[in-house]
N, C-alpha and C. Protein backbone atom coordinates (compact mmCIF):
# COMPACT_ATOMS: atom_id res chain seq x y z
N MET A 1 90.57 15.96 -37.57
CA MET A 1 90.09 15.45 -36.27
C MET A 1 89.68 13.99 -36.44
N ASN A 2 90.12 13.11 -35.50
CA ASN A 2 89.80 11.70 -35.67
C ASN A 2 88.34 11.41 -35.32
N LYS A 3 87.88 10.27 -35.81
CA LYS A 3 86.46 9.93 -35.67
C LYS A 3 86.01 9.81 -34.22
N PRO A 4 86.76 9.10 -33.32
CA PRO A 4 86.31 9.01 -31.92
C PRO A 4 86.13 10.38 -31.27
N LEU A 5 87.05 11.33 -31.54
CA LEU A 5 86.94 12.65 -30.95
C LEU A 5 85.72 13.38 -31.49
N CYS A 6 85.44 13.23 -32.76
CA CYS A 6 84.25 13.86 -33.35
C CYS A 6 82.98 13.34 -32.69
N LEU A 7 82.94 12.02 -32.46
CA LEU A 7 81.76 11.44 -31.83
C LEU A 7 81.59 11.94 -30.40
N LEU A 8 82.70 12.09 -29.67
CA LEU A 8 82.65 12.58 -28.30
C LEU A 8 82.13 14.02 -28.26
N LEU A 9 82.65 14.86 -29.16
CA LEU A 9 82.20 16.25 -29.19
C LEU A 9 80.72 16.35 -29.55
N ALA A 10 80.28 15.51 -30.46
CA ALA A 10 78.86 15.52 -30.85
C ALA A 10 77.98 15.13 -29.67
N ALA A 11 78.46 14.14 -28.89
CA ALA A 11 77.67 13.70 -27.73
C ALA A 11 77.58 14.80 -26.68
N VAL A 12 78.70 15.47 -26.43
CA VAL A 12 78.71 16.56 -25.45
C VAL A 12 77.78 17.68 -25.88
N LEU A 13 77.82 18.03 -27.18
CA LEU A 13 76.96 19.09 -27.69
C LEU A 13 75.49 18.72 -27.55
N SER A 14 75.14 17.48 -27.84
CA SER A 14 73.74 17.07 -27.74
C SER A 14 73.25 17.13 -26.31
N LEU A 15 74.11 16.77 -25.35
CA LEU A 15 73.72 16.85 -23.94
C LEU A 15 73.51 18.28 -23.52
N SER A 16 74.34 19.19 -24.01
CA SER A 16 74.22 20.60 -23.61
C SER A 16 72.94 21.22 -24.12
N LEU A 17 72.38 20.66 -25.19
CA LEU A 17 71.16 21.21 -25.77
C LEU A 17 69.89 20.58 -25.20
N MET A 18 70.03 19.59 -24.33
CA MET A 18 68.86 18.93 -23.77
C MET A 18 68.12 19.88 -22.82
N PRO A 19 66.77 19.82 -22.80
CA PRO A 19 66.03 20.61 -21.84
C PRO A 19 66.30 20.11 -20.43
N VAL A 20 65.96 20.97 -19.44
CA VAL A 20 66.22 20.61 -18.04
C VAL A 20 65.56 19.30 -17.66
N GLY A 21 64.35 19.07 -18.18
CA GLY A 21 63.62 17.86 -17.82
C GLY A 21 64.34 16.58 -18.22
N TRP A 22 65.34 16.66 -19.12
CA TRP A 22 66.07 15.48 -19.54
C TRP A 22 67.35 15.26 -18.74
N ALA A 23 67.72 16.23 -17.89
CA ALA A 23 68.93 16.09 -17.10
C ALA A 23 68.72 15.03 -16.03
N ALA A 24 69.81 14.63 -15.39
CA ALA A 24 69.70 13.67 -14.30
C ALA A 24 68.78 14.25 -13.23
N ASP A 25 67.92 13.40 -12.67
CA ASP A 25 66.99 13.87 -11.64
C ASP A 25 67.73 14.55 -10.50
N ASN A 26 67.05 15.58 -9.96
CA ASN A 26 67.56 16.33 -8.81
C ASN A 26 68.91 16.98 -9.08
N THR A 27 69.09 17.43 -10.31
CA THR A 27 70.30 18.15 -10.70
C THR A 27 69.87 19.53 -11.22
N PRO A 28 69.78 20.53 -10.33
CA PRO A 28 69.28 21.84 -10.75
C PRO A 28 70.22 22.54 -11.71
N PRO A 29 69.66 23.37 -12.59
CA PRO A 29 70.51 24.20 -13.46
C PRO A 29 71.32 25.17 -12.61
N GLU A 30 72.35 25.72 -13.21
CA GLU A 30 73.19 26.68 -12.50
C GLU A 30 72.35 27.85 -11.99
N GLY A 31 72.53 28.20 -10.72
CA GLY A 31 71.81 29.31 -10.12
C GLY A 31 70.49 28.93 -9.48
N PHE A 32 70.02 27.72 -9.72
CA PHE A 32 68.77 27.24 -9.14
C PHE A 32 69.05 26.34 -7.93
N THR A 33 68.06 26.24 -7.05
CA THR A 33 68.14 25.38 -5.87
C THR A 33 67.07 24.31 -5.95
N ALA A 34 67.44 23.07 -5.65
CA ALA A 34 66.46 21.99 -5.58
C ALA A 34 65.70 22.11 -4.26
N VAL A 35 64.40 22.38 -4.32
CA VAL A 35 63.61 22.53 -3.10
C VAL A 35 62.92 21.23 -2.70
N PHE A 36 63.13 20.18 -3.48
CA PHE A 36 62.70 18.82 -3.15
C PHE A 36 63.93 17.93 -3.28
N ASN A 37 64.25 17.20 -2.20
CA ASN A 37 65.49 16.42 -2.19
C ASN A 37 65.37 15.06 -2.87
N GLY A 38 64.19 14.70 -3.34
CA GLY A 38 64.00 13.43 -4.02
C GLY A 38 63.95 12.23 -3.10
N LYS A 39 63.95 12.48 -1.78
CA LYS A 39 63.99 11.38 -0.81
C LYS A 39 62.84 11.38 0.18
N ASP A 40 62.44 12.58 0.63
CA ASP A 40 61.38 12.66 1.64
C ASP A 40 60.68 14.02 1.54
N LEU A 41 59.80 14.32 2.50
CA LEU A 41 58.98 15.53 2.46
C LEU A 41 59.62 16.71 3.17
N SER A 42 60.91 16.61 3.47
CA SER A 42 61.60 17.70 4.16
C SER A 42 61.48 19.00 3.37
N GLY A 43 61.21 20.10 4.08
CA GLY A 43 61.10 21.40 3.44
C GLY A 43 59.73 21.70 2.88
N TRP A 44 58.78 20.79 3.06
CA TRP A 44 57.42 20.97 2.56
C TRP A 44 56.43 20.85 3.72
N LYS A 45 55.23 21.37 3.52
CA LYS A 45 54.22 21.36 4.58
C LYS A 45 52.84 21.17 3.99
N GLY A 46 51.89 20.84 4.87
CA GLY A 46 50.51 20.70 4.44
C GLY A 46 49.84 22.05 4.28
N LEU A 47 48.71 22.05 3.60
CA LEU A 47 47.98 23.28 3.30
C LEU A 47 47.06 23.69 4.44
N VAL A 48 47.19 24.93 4.86
CA VAL A 48 46.27 25.55 5.82
C VAL A 48 45.47 26.62 5.08
N ALA A 49 44.20 26.39 4.86
CA ALA A 49 43.27 27.37 4.30
C ALA A 49 43.85 28.08 3.07
N ASN A 50 43.79 29.40 3.05
CA ASN A 50 44.30 30.20 1.94
C ASN A 50 44.93 31.47 2.49
N PRO A 51 45.63 32.25 1.66
CA PRO A 51 46.33 33.42 2.19
C PRO A 51 45.44 34.40 2.95
N LYS A 52 44.24 34.64 2.47
CA LYS A 52 43.33 35.58 3.12
C LYS A 52 42.97 35.10 4.52
N VAL A 53 42.66 33.81 4.65
CA VAL A 53 42.28 33.27 5.95
C VAL A 53 43.49 33.19 6.87
N ARG A 54 44.63 32.74 6.35
CA ARG A 54 45.82 32.63 7.20
C ARG A 54 46.22 33.97 7.80
N ALA A 55 45.99 35.05 7.06
CA ALA A 55 46.35 36.39 7.55
C ALA A 55 45.53 36.80 8.76
N THR A 56 44.38 36.16 8.99
CA THR A 56 43.52 36.51 10.13
C THR A 56 43.80 35.64 11.35
N MET A 57 44.64 34.62 11.21
CA MET A 57 44.88 33.67 12.30
C MET A 57 45.97 34.17 13.23
N THR A 58 45.82 33.87 14.52
CA THR A 58 46.88 34.17 15.48
C THR A 58 48.01 33.17 15.29
N PRO A 59 49.21 33.47 15.78
CA PRO A 59 50.31 32.49 15.67
C PRO A 59 49.95 31.13 16.25
N ASP A 60 49.26 31.11 17.38
CA ASP A 60 48.87 29.83 17.99
C ASP A 60 47.87 29.08 17.12
N GLN A 61 46.90 29.80 16.58
CA GLN A 61 45.91 29.17 15.70
C GLN A 61 46.58 28.59 14.46
N LEU A 62 47.50 29.36 13.90
CA LEU A 62 48.19 28.90 12.70
C LEU A 62 49.05 27.68 12.99
N ALA A 63 49.73 27.68 14.12
CA ALA A 63 50.59 26.54 14.49
C ALA A 63 49.76 25.27 14.69
N GLN A 64 48.62 25.40 15.34
CA GLN A 64 47.76 24.24 15.56
C GLN A 64 47.21 23.71 14.24
N ALA A 65 46.77 24.63 13.38
CA ALA A 65 46.25 24.22 12.08
C ALA A 65 47.33 23.59 11.22
N GLN A 66 48.56 24.14 11.32
CA GLN A 66 49.67 23.59 10.54
C GLN A 66 50.02 22.18 10.98
N GLU A 67 49.94 21.92 12.27
CA GLU A 67 50.23 20.57 12.78
C GLU A 67 49.26 19.55 12.19
N LYS A 68 47.98 19.90 12.15
CA LYS A 68 46.98 19.00 11.57
C LYS A 68 47.19 18.84 10.07
N ALA A 69 47.53 19.95 9.41
CA ALA A 69 47.75 19.89 7.96
C ALA A 69 48.95 19.02 7.63
N ASP A 70 49.99 19.08 8.45
CA ASP A 70 51.18 18.26 8.20
C ASP A 70 50.88 16.78 8.40
N GLU A 71 50.01 16.46 9.35
CA GLU A 71 49.60 15.06 9.54
C GLU A 71 48.89 14.55 8.29
N SER A 72 48.01 15.37 7.74
CA SER A 72 47.30 14.99 6.51
C SER A 72 48.28 14.85 5.35
N MET A 73 49.24 15.77 5.27
CA MET A 73 50.25 15.69 4.22
C MET A 73 50.97 14.35 4.25
N ARG A 74 51.42 13.96 5.42
CA ARG A 74 52.18 12.70 5.53
C ARG A 74 51.32 11.48 5.22
N ALA A 75 50.01 11.61 5.40
CA ALA A 75 49.11 10.49 5.12
C ALA A 75 48.84 10.32 3.63
N HIS A 76 48.95 11.40 2.86
CA HIS A 76 48.50 11.33 1.47
C HIS A 76 49.57 11.65 0.43
N TRP A 77 50.68 12.22 0.87
CA TRP A 77 51.81 12.46 -0.02
C TRP A 77 52.98 11.58 0.41
N ARG A 78 53.68 11.01 -0.55
CA ARG A 78 54.85 10.19 -0.26
C ARG A 78 55.89 10.42 -1.35
N VAL A 79 57.07 9.91 -1.13
CA VAL A 79 58.12 9.98 -2.14
C VAL A 79 58.42 8.57 -2.62
N GLU A 80 58.41 8.40 -3.93
CA GLU A 80 58.62 7.09 -4.54
C GLU A 80 59.44 7.27 -5.82
N ASP A 81 60.54 6.58 -5.92
CA ASP A 81 61.42 6.67 -7.10
C ASP A 81 61.79 8.12 -7.41
N GLY A 82 62.09 8.88 -6.37
CA GLY A 82 62.55 10.24 -6.54
C GLY A 82 61.49 11.26 -6.88
N ALA A 83 60.21 10.91 -6.74
CA ALA A 83 59.11 11.82 -7.08
C ALA A 83 58.10 11.90 -5.95
N PHE A 84 57.48 13.07 -5.81
CA PHE A 84 56.31 13.19 -4.96
C PHE A 84 55.17 12.41 -5.61
N VAL A 85 54.43 11.65 -4.81
CA VAL A 85 53.26 10.94 -5.30
C VAL A 85 52.09 11.29 -4.38
N PHE A 86 50.99 11.73 -4.97
CA PHE A 86 49.78 12.09 -4.23
C PHE A 86 48.73 11.02 -4.49
N ASP A 87 48.06 10.56 -3.41
CA ASP A 87 47.13 9.44 -3.56
C ASP A 87 45.71 9.85 -3.96
N GLY A 88 45.49 11.16 -4.17
CA GLY A 88 44.17 11.61 -4.60
C GLY A 88 43.27 12.04 -3.47
N LYS A 89 43.78 11.97 -2.24
CA LYS A 89 43.01 12.39 -1.07
C LYS A 89 43.80 13.49 -0.35
N GLY A 90 43.18 14.12 0.64
CA GLY A 90 43.91 15.13 1.38
C GLY A 90 43.98 16.45 0.63
N GLN A 91 45.03 17.24 0.95
CA GLN A 91 45.14 18.59 0.43
C GLN A 91 46.46 18.80 -0.33
N SER A 92 46.66 20.02 -0.78
CA SER A 92 47.83 20.36 -1.58
C SER A 92 49.11 20.30 -0.75
N LEU A 93 50.23 20.19 -1.45
CA LEU A 93 51.56 20.16 -0.84
C LEU A 93 52.20 21.53 -1.07
N CYS A 94 52.76 22.12 0.01
CA CYS A 94 53.22 23.51 -0.04
C CYS A 94 54.69 23.62 0.33
N THR A 95 55.39 24.55 -0.31
CA THR A 95 56.76 24.84 0.09
C THR A 95 56.76 25.39 1.51
N GLY A 96 57.81 25.06 2.25
CA GLY A 96 57.95 25.59 3.60
C GLY A 96 58.34 27.04 3.62
N LYS A 97 58.69 27.59 2.48
CA LYS A 97 59.17 28.96 2.36
C LYS A 97 58.27 29.75 1.43
N ASP A 98 58.15 31.04 1.69
CA ASP A 98 57.43 31.94 0.79
C ASP A 98 58.40 32.51 -0.25
N TYR A 99 57.85 32.83 -1.44
CA TYR A 99 58.67 33.36 -2.52
C TYR A 99 58.02 34.63 -3.08
N GLY A 100 58.86 35.53 -3.55
CA GLY A 100 58.40 36.74 -4.22
C GLY A 100 58.55 36.57 -5.72
N ASP A 101 59.58 37.18 -6.30
CA ASP A 101 59.88 37.00 -7.72
C ASP A 101 60.81 35.80 -7.87
N PHE A 102 60.57 34.98 -8.88
CA PHE A 102 61.34 33.75 -9.01
C PHE A 102 61.21 33.15 -10.40
N GLU A 103 62.13 32.24 -10.68
CA GLU A 103 62.04 31.31 -11.81
C GLU A 103 61.94 29.91 -11.23
N MET A 104 61.23 29.04 -11.91
CA MET A 104 60.97 27.70 -11.36
C MET A 104 60.90 26.67 -12.48
N TYR A 105 61.45 25.52 -12.23
CA TYR A 105 61.22 24.34 -13.06
C TYR A 105 60.52 23.29 -12.20
N VAL A 106 59.61 22.55 -12.78
CA VAL A 106 58.99 21.42 -12.10
C VAL A 106 58.51 20.41 -13.14
N ASP A 107 58.78 19.15 -12.90
CA ASP A 107 58.29 18.07 -13.74
C ASP A 107 57.00 17.51 -13.13
N TRP A 108 56.06 17.14 -13.97
CA TRP A 108 54.79 16.61 -13.47
C TRP A 108 54.23 15.55 -14.42
N LYS A 109 53.37 14.72 -13.85
CA LYS A 109 52.75 13.62 -14.62
C LYS A 109 51.36 13.36 -14.06
N ILE A 110 50.42 13.07 -14.95
CA ILE A 110 49.05 12.78 -14.54
C ILE A 110 48.55 11.51 -15.24
N LEU A 111 47.39 11.04 -14.79
CA LEU A 111 46.70 9.92 -15.41
C LEU A 111 45.60 10.44 -16.34
N PRO A 112 44.96 9.56 -17.12
CA PRO A 112 43.84 10.02 -17.94
C PRO A 112 42.79 10.75 -17.11
N ARG A 113 42.30 11.86 -17.66
CA ARG A 113 41.33 12.75 -17.01
C ARG A 113 41.91 13.40 -15.75
N GLY A 114 43.23 13.41 -15.62
CA GLY A 114 43.87 14.02 -14.47
C GLY A 114 43.69 15.53 -14.45
N ASP A 115 43.79 16.10 -13.25
CA ASP A 115 43.59 17.54 -13.06
C ASP A 115 44.41 17.99 -11.87
N SER A 116 45.16 19.06 -12.03
CA SER A 116 45.97 19.60 -10.94
C SER A 116 46.39 21.02 -11.30
N GLY A 117 47.40 21.53 -10.62
CA GLY A 117 47.89 22.87 -10.93
C GLY A 117 49.00 23.26 -9.99
N ILE A 118 49.63 24.39 -10.30
CA ILE A 118 50.67 24.97 -9.46
C ILE A 118 50.15 26.33 -8.98
N TYR A 119 50.03 26.48 -7.66
CA TYR A 119 49.64 27.78 -7.09
C TYR A 119 50.91 28.61 -6.90
N LEU A 120 50.86 29.86 -7.36
CA LEU A 120 52.00 30.77 -7.25
C LEU A 120 51.69 31.81 -6.18
N ARG A 121 52.57 31.92 -5.20
CA ARG A 121 52.33 32.78 -4.03
C ARG A 121 50.98 32.46 -3.40
N GLY A 122 50.65 31.19 -3.35
CA GLY A 122 49.42 30.74 -2.72
C GLY A 122 48.16 30.99 -3.52
N THR A 123 48.32 31.36 -4.79
CA THR A 123 47.18 31.77 -5.61
C THR A 123 47.03 30.88 -6.83
N PRO A 124 45.81 30.40 -7.10
CA PRO A 124 45.60 29.57 -8.30
C PRO A 124 45.63 30.41 -9.56
N GLN A 125 46.08 29.83 -10.65
CA GLN A 125 46.88 28.64 -10.70
C GLN A 125 47.41 28.46 -12.10
N VAL A 126 48.52 27.78 -12.21
CA VAL A 126 49.02 27.30 -13.49
C VAL A 126 48.37 25.93 -13.71
N GLN A 127 47.51 25.83 -14.70
CA GLN A 127 46.66 24.66 -14.87
C GLN A 127 47.43 23.44 -15.39
N ILE A 128 47.09 22.28 -14.82
CA ILE A 128 47.54 20.97 -15.31
C ILE A 128 46.30 20.11 -15.50
N TRP A 129 46.13 19.55 -16.69
CA TRP A 129 44.98 18.66 -16.89
C TRP A 129 45.11 17.89 -18.20
N ASP A 130 44.20 16.94 -18.37
CA ASP A 130 44.12 16.12 -19.57
C ASP A 130 42.96 16.63 -20.41
N ARG A 131 43.22 17.75 -21.11
CA ARG A 131 42.21 18.34 -21.99
C ARG A 131 42.86 18.86 -23.26
N ALA A 132 42.05 18.98 -24.30
CA ALA A 132 42.59 19.30 -25.62
C ALA A 132 43.29 20.65 -25.67
N GLU A 133 42.83 21.64 -24.88
CA GLU A 133 43.45 22.96 -24.94
C GLU A 133 44.83 23.00 -24.32
N GLY A 134 45.18 21.97 -23.57
CA GLY A 134 46.53 21.87 -23.03
C GLY A 134 46.69 22.51 -21.67
N SER A 135 47.80 22.20 -21.03
CA SER A 135 48.12 22.70 -19.70
C SER A 135 48.93 23.99 -19.78
N GLY A 136 49.05 24.65 -18.64
CA GLY A 136 49.90 25.83 -18.54
C GLY A 136 49.18 27.15 -18.47
N GLY A 137 47.88 27.17 -18.75
CA GLY A 137 47.14 28.42 -18.69
C GLY A 137 46.91 28.90 -17.27
N LEU A 138 46.57 30.17 -17.11
CA LEU A 138 46.25 30.76 -15.80
C LEU A 138 44.73 30.65 -15.63
N TYR A 139 44.30 29.48 -15.23
CA TYR A 139 42.91 29.06 -15.33
C TYR A 139 41.93 30.00 -14.65
N ASN A 140 42.29 30.57 -13.51
CA ASN A 140 41.34 31.35 -12.71
C ASN A 140 41.30 32.84 -13.07
N ASN A 141 42.06 33.24 -14.08
CA ASN A 141 41.96 34.62 -14.53
C ASN A 141 40.57 34.92 -15.09
N GLN A 142 40.10 36.15 -14.85
CA GLN A 142 38.82 36.60 -15.40
C GLN A 142 39.00 37.74 -16.39
N LYS A 143 39.91 38.68 -16.09
CA LYS A 143 40.10 39.85 -16.94
C LYS A 143 41.27 39.68 -17.91
N ASN A 144 42.25 38.90 -17.52
CA ASN A 144 43.44 38.67 -18.34
C ASN A 144 43.39 37.28 -18.96
N PRO A 145 44.20 37.03 -20.01
CA PRO A 145 44.16 35.72 -20.67
C PRO A 145 44.30 34.56 -19.69
N ARG A 146 43.49 33.53 -19.90
CA ARG A 146 43.49 32.38 -19.00
C ARG A 146 43.90 31.07 -19.68
N ASN A 147 43.91 31.05 -21.00
CA ASN A 147 44.23 29.82 -21.73
C ASN A 147 45.66 29.85 -22.28
N PRO A 148 46.28 28.69 -22.41
CA PRO A 148 47.61 28.64 -23.05
C PRO A 148 47.50 28.98 -24.53
N THR A 149 48.59 29.47 -25.09
CA THR A 149 48.57 29.83 -26.50
C THR A 149 48.62 28.62 -27.42
N LYS A 150 49.03 27.49 -26.88
CA LYS A 150 49.06 26.25 -27.66
C LYS A 150 49.03 25.08 -26.69
N ALA A 151 48.72 23.91 -27.20
CA ALA A 151 48.80 22.67 -26.42
C ALA A 151 50.18 22.07 -26.62
N ALA A 152 50.93 21.92 -25.54
CA ALA A 152 52.30 21.40 -25.64
C ALA A 152 52.53 20.21 -24.71
N ASP A 153 51.46 19.62 -24.21
CA ASP A 153 51.57 18.49 -23.29
C ASP A 153 52.12 17.25 -23.98
N ASN A 154 52.91 16.49 -23.25
CA ASN A 154 53.26 15.14 -23.70
C ASN A 154 52.07 14.22 -23.45
N PRO A 155 52.04 13.05 -24.09
CA PRO A 155 50.92 12.13 -23.87
C PRO A 155 50.73 11.82 -22.38
N VAL A 156 49.48 11.66 -21.99
CA VAL A 156 49.16 11.36 -20.59
C VAL A 156 49.96 10.14 -20.13
N GLY A 157 50.48 10.24 -18.92
CA GLY A 157 51.31 9.17 -18.38
C GLY A 157 52.79 9.39 -18.57
N GLN A 158 53.15 10.40 -19.39
CA GLN A 158 54.55 10.77 -19.58
C GLN A 158 54.86 12.03 -18.78
N TRP A 159 56.14 12.21 -18.47
CA TRP A 159 56.56 13.39 -17.73
C TRP A 159 56.52 14.63 -18.61
N ASN A 160 56.14 15.75 -17.98
CA ASN A 160 56.16 17.08 -18.59
C ASN A 160 57.02 18.01 -17.74
N THR A 161 57.53 19.07 -18.34
CA THR A 161 58.34 20.05 -17.61
C THR A 161 57.78 21.44 -17.79
N PHE A 162 57.47 22.10 -16.68
CA PHE A 162 57.13 23.51 -16.67
C PHE A 162 58.37 24.34 -16.37
N TYR A 163 58.51 25.45 -17.09
CA TYR A 163 59.37 26.55 -16.68
C TYR A 163 58.43 27.71 -16.38
N ILE A 164 58.51 28.25 -15.17
CA ILE A 164 57.62 29.33 -14.73
C ILE A 164 58.47 30.49 -14.25
N LYS A 165 58.17 31.68 -14.75
CA LYS A 165 58.85 32.89 -14.28
C LYS A 165 57.80 33.87 -13.80
N MET A 166 57.96 34.37 -12.58
CA MET A 166 57.01 35.32 -12.01
C MET A 166 57.76 36.56 -11.54
N ILE A 167 57.43 37.70 -12.14
CA ILE A 167 58.00 38.99 -11.77
C ILE A 167 56.83 39.92 -11.46
N GLY A 168 56.76 40.41 -10.22
CA GLY A 168 55.61 41.21 -9.83
C GLY A 168 54.35 40.39 -9.96
N GLU A 169 53.38 40.89 -10.74
CA GLU A 169 52.13 40.16 -10.92
C GLU A 169 52.07 39.41 -12.26
N ARG A 170 53.20 39.43 -13.00
CA ARG A 170 53.19 38.85 -14.35
C ARG A 170 53.91 37.50 -14.39
N VAL A 171 53.36 36.61 -15.20
CA VAL A 171 53.84 35.23 -15.27
C VAL A 171 54.12 34.83 -16.72
N THR A 172 55.25 34.17 -16.91
CA THR A 172 55.60 33.58 -18.20
C THR A 172 55.80 32.08 -17.98
N ILE A 173 55.29 31.27 -18.90
CA ILE A 173 55.33 29.81 -18.72
C ILE A 173 55.74 29.13 -20.02
N LYS A 174 56.66 28.21 -19.91
CA LYS A 174 56.98 27.29 -21.00
C LYS A 174 56.62 25.87 -20.56
N LEU A 175 56.02 25.14 -21.47
CA LEU A 175 55.70 23.73 -21.22
C LEU A 175 56.45 22.89 -22.23
N ASN A 176 57.34 22.05 -21.72
CA ASN A 176 58.18 21.20 -22.59
C ASN A 176 58.91 22.03 -23.64
N GLY A 177 59.38 23.21 -23.19
CA GLY A 177 60.16 24.08 -24.06
C GLY A 177 59.36 25.01 -24.95
N GLU A 178 58.03 24.89 -24.94
CA GLU A 178 57.16 25.71 -25.78
C GLU A 178 56.53 26.83 -24.94
N LEU A 179 56.61 28.08 -25.44
CA LEU A 179 56.01 29.21 -24.74
C LEU A 179 54.49 29.10 -24.81
N VAL A 180 53.83 29.04 -23.65
CA VAL A 180 52.37 28.92 -23.62
C VAL A 180 51.69 30.08 -22.90
N VAL A 181 52.44 30.81 -22.08
CA VAL A 181 51.92 32.03 -21.42
C VAL A 181 53.04 33.05 -21.47
N ASP A 182 52.73 34.25 -22.00
CA ASP A 182 53.77 35.25 -22.23
C ASP A 182 53.49 36.52 -21.44
N ASN A 183 54.08 36.61 -20.24
CA ASN A 183 54.05 37.84 -19.45
C ASN A 183 52.62 38.30 -19.14
N VAL A 184 51.80 37.38 -18.66
CA VAL A 184 50.39 37.64 -18.38
C VAL A 184 50.20 37.90 -16.88
N VAL A 185 49.33 38.84 -16.53
CA VAL A 185 49.00 39.13 -15.13
C VAL A 185 48.27 37.94 -14.52
N LEU A 186 48.73 37.49 -13.35
CA LEU A 186 48.01 36.48 -12.57
C LEU A 186 47.14 37.22 -11.56
N GLU A 187 45.83 37.06 -11.67
CA GLU A 187 44.90 37.78 -10.82
C GLU A 187 44.80 37.16 -9.43
N ASN A 188 44.41 37.99 -8.47
CA ASN A 188 44.25 37.54 -7.09
C ASN A 188 42.90 36.85 -6.94
N TYR A 189 42.90 35.54 -6.95
CA TYR A 189 41.66 34.76 -6.86
C TYR A 189 40.95 34.97 -5.54
N TRP A 190 41.70 35.14 -4.46
CA TRP A 190 41.13 35.23 -3.12
C TRP A 190 40.53 36.60 -2.83
N GLU A 191 41.11 37.64 -3.43
CA GLU A 191 40.61 39.01 -3.23
C GLU A 191 40.68 39.72 -4.58
N ARG A 192 39.60 39.62 -5.33
CA ARG A 192 39.58 40.08 -6.71
C ARG A 192 39.85 41.57 -6.86
N ASP A 193 39.62 42.33 -5.80
CA ASP A 193 39.82 43.77 -5.88
C ASP A 193 41.25 44.19 -5.54
N LYS A 194 42.14 43.21 -5.33
CA LYS A 194 43.52 43.50 -4.97
C LYS A 194 44.47 42.81 -5.95
N PRO A 195 45.67 43.36 -6.13
CA PRO A 195 46.67 42.66 -6.95
C PRO A 195 47.17 41.41 -6.24
N ILE A 196 47.89 40.59 -6.96
CA ILE A 196 48.45 39.37 -6.39
C ILE A 196 49.34 39.71 -5.19
N TYR A 197 49.38 38.81 -4.22
CA TYR A 197 50.20 39.05 -3.03
C TYR A 197 51.68 39.13 -3.42
N PRO A 198 52.46 39.98 -2.74
CA PRO A 198 53.87 40.15 -3.11
C PRO A 198 54.74 38.93 -2.82
N THR A 199 54.35 38.13 -1.84
CA THR A 199 55.06 36.89 -1.53
C THR A 199 54.04 35.81 -1.15
N GLY A 200 54.49 34.58 -1.18
CA GLY A 200 53.61 33.48 -0.77
C GLY A 200 54.23 32.14 -1.12
N GLN A 201 53.61 31.10 -0.59
CA GLN A 201 54.12 29.75 -0.82
C GLN A 201 53.74 29.25 -2.21
N ILE A 202 54.48 28.27 -2.68
CA ILE A 202 54.15 27.58 -3.92
C ILE A 202 53.48 26.26 -3.55
N GLU A 203 52.38 25.94 -4.22
CA GLU A 203 51.59 24.76 -3.86
C GLU A 203 51.42 23.83 -5.06
N LEU A 204 51.57 22.55 -4.80
CA LEU A 204 51.26 21.51 -5.78
C LEU A 204 49.85 21.05 -5.47
N GLN A 205 48.93 21.29 -6.39
CA GLN A 205 47.51 21.23 -6.07
C GLN A 205 46.93 19.82 -6.00
N ASN A 206 46.19 19.57 -4.93
CA ASN A 206 45.31 18.42 -4.83
C ASN A 206 44.08 18.66 -5.70
N HIS A 207 43.67 17.63 -6.45
CA HIS A 207 42.41 17.74 -7.19
C HIS A 207 41.73 16.38 -7.30
N GLY A 208 41.90 15.56 -6.25
CA GLY A 208 41.16 14.32 -6.18
C GLY A 208 41.61 13.22 -7.11
N ASN A 209 42.88 13.27 -7.56
CA ASN A 209 43.39 12.20 -8.42
C ASN A 209 44.89 12.01 -8.17
N THR A 210 45.40 10.87 -8.63
CA THR A 210 46.81 10.56 -8.41
C THR A 210 47.69 11.48 -9.24
N LEU A 211 48.76 12.00 -8.60
CA LEU A 211 49.66 12.96 -9.25
C LEU A 211 51.10 12.61 -8.93
N TRP A 212 52.00 13.04 -9.82
CA TRP A 212 53.43 12.89 -9.60
C TRP A 212 54.12 14.22 -9.89
N PHE A 213 55.10 14.59 -9.05
CA PHE A 213 55.94 15.77 -9.28
C PHE A 213 57.37 15.42 -8.91
N LYS A 214 58.33 15.99 -9.62
CA LYS A 214 59.73 15.83 -9.28
C LYS A 214 60.54 16.99 -9.86
N ASN A 215 61.83 17.01 -9.51
CA ASN A 215 62.76 18.01 -10.05
C ASN A 215 62.20 19.43 -9.90
N VAL A 216 61.97 19.82 -8.65
CA VAL A 216 61.43 21.15 -8.36
C VAL A 216 62.59 22.08 -8.04
N TYR A 217 62.87 22.98 -8.96
CA TYR A 217 64.04 23.88 -8.85
C TYR A 217 63.56 25.33 -8.87
N ILE A 218 64.11 26.15 -7.99
CA ILE A 218 63.71 27.55 -7.90
C ILE A 218 64.94 28.45 -7.84
N ARG A 219 64.87 29.55 -8.54
CA ARG A 219 65.87 30.62 -8.42
C ARG A 219 65.14 31.90 -8.05
N GLU A 220 65.44 32.42 -6.86
CA GLU A 220 64.82 33.67 -6.43
C GLU A 220 65.45 34.83 -7.17
N ILE A 221 64.63 35.80 -7.54
CA ILE A 221 65.07 36.98 -8.30
C ILE A 221 64.97 38.19 -7.38
N PRO A 222 66.09 38.81 -7.04
CA PRO A 222 66.05 39.98 -6.15
C PRO A 222 65.23 41.12 -6.76
N ARG A 223 64.53 41.83 -5.93
CA ARG A 223 63.77 42.98 -6.38
C ARG A 223 64.60 44.25 -6.28
């Protein structure tokens, strides 16, 4: 085999082994859907209360609250260089669709002392922060493990990639390719005496600081 062909094959192989976070932006893996178009806030909405409260609202009440929440969303979330950017004010950013069982990839970045998270089915949370124990734990768990098994964060200011899989009430998480949560129950923060809700929106959490998210890919898993 000649040298140029060997070099070409080596390059192709190296690309195939790259993690999703290294692929071209907004290029979902096979079977996944990009739920953020990298251009605007289409398909996303502002946060209205929490699942327990929303369940008590009439359709008219919910519509009115959603209109106000969307106004706040547009004031504090924007898209810049293909990423969601949060200015540290306002509320969380939510998918326009509810999800049951799914796999998800999302890239995120924070500043020093940053704090955020990913709510699954409207429930906190897959932790994101600048702390020694690392991100990816199920922070609000009380009975089940809440901390990641290792710290796998990239240095603050660099992009990180979560892989999240949720089947029933159990969650598995990889951070930058490292397993940090292995099939752990996510508890219902809003109603501790009940299991996690069967469906719900995914939320990118506001926590009073500047945040970045991009490459949000989801594959729904039929039950």
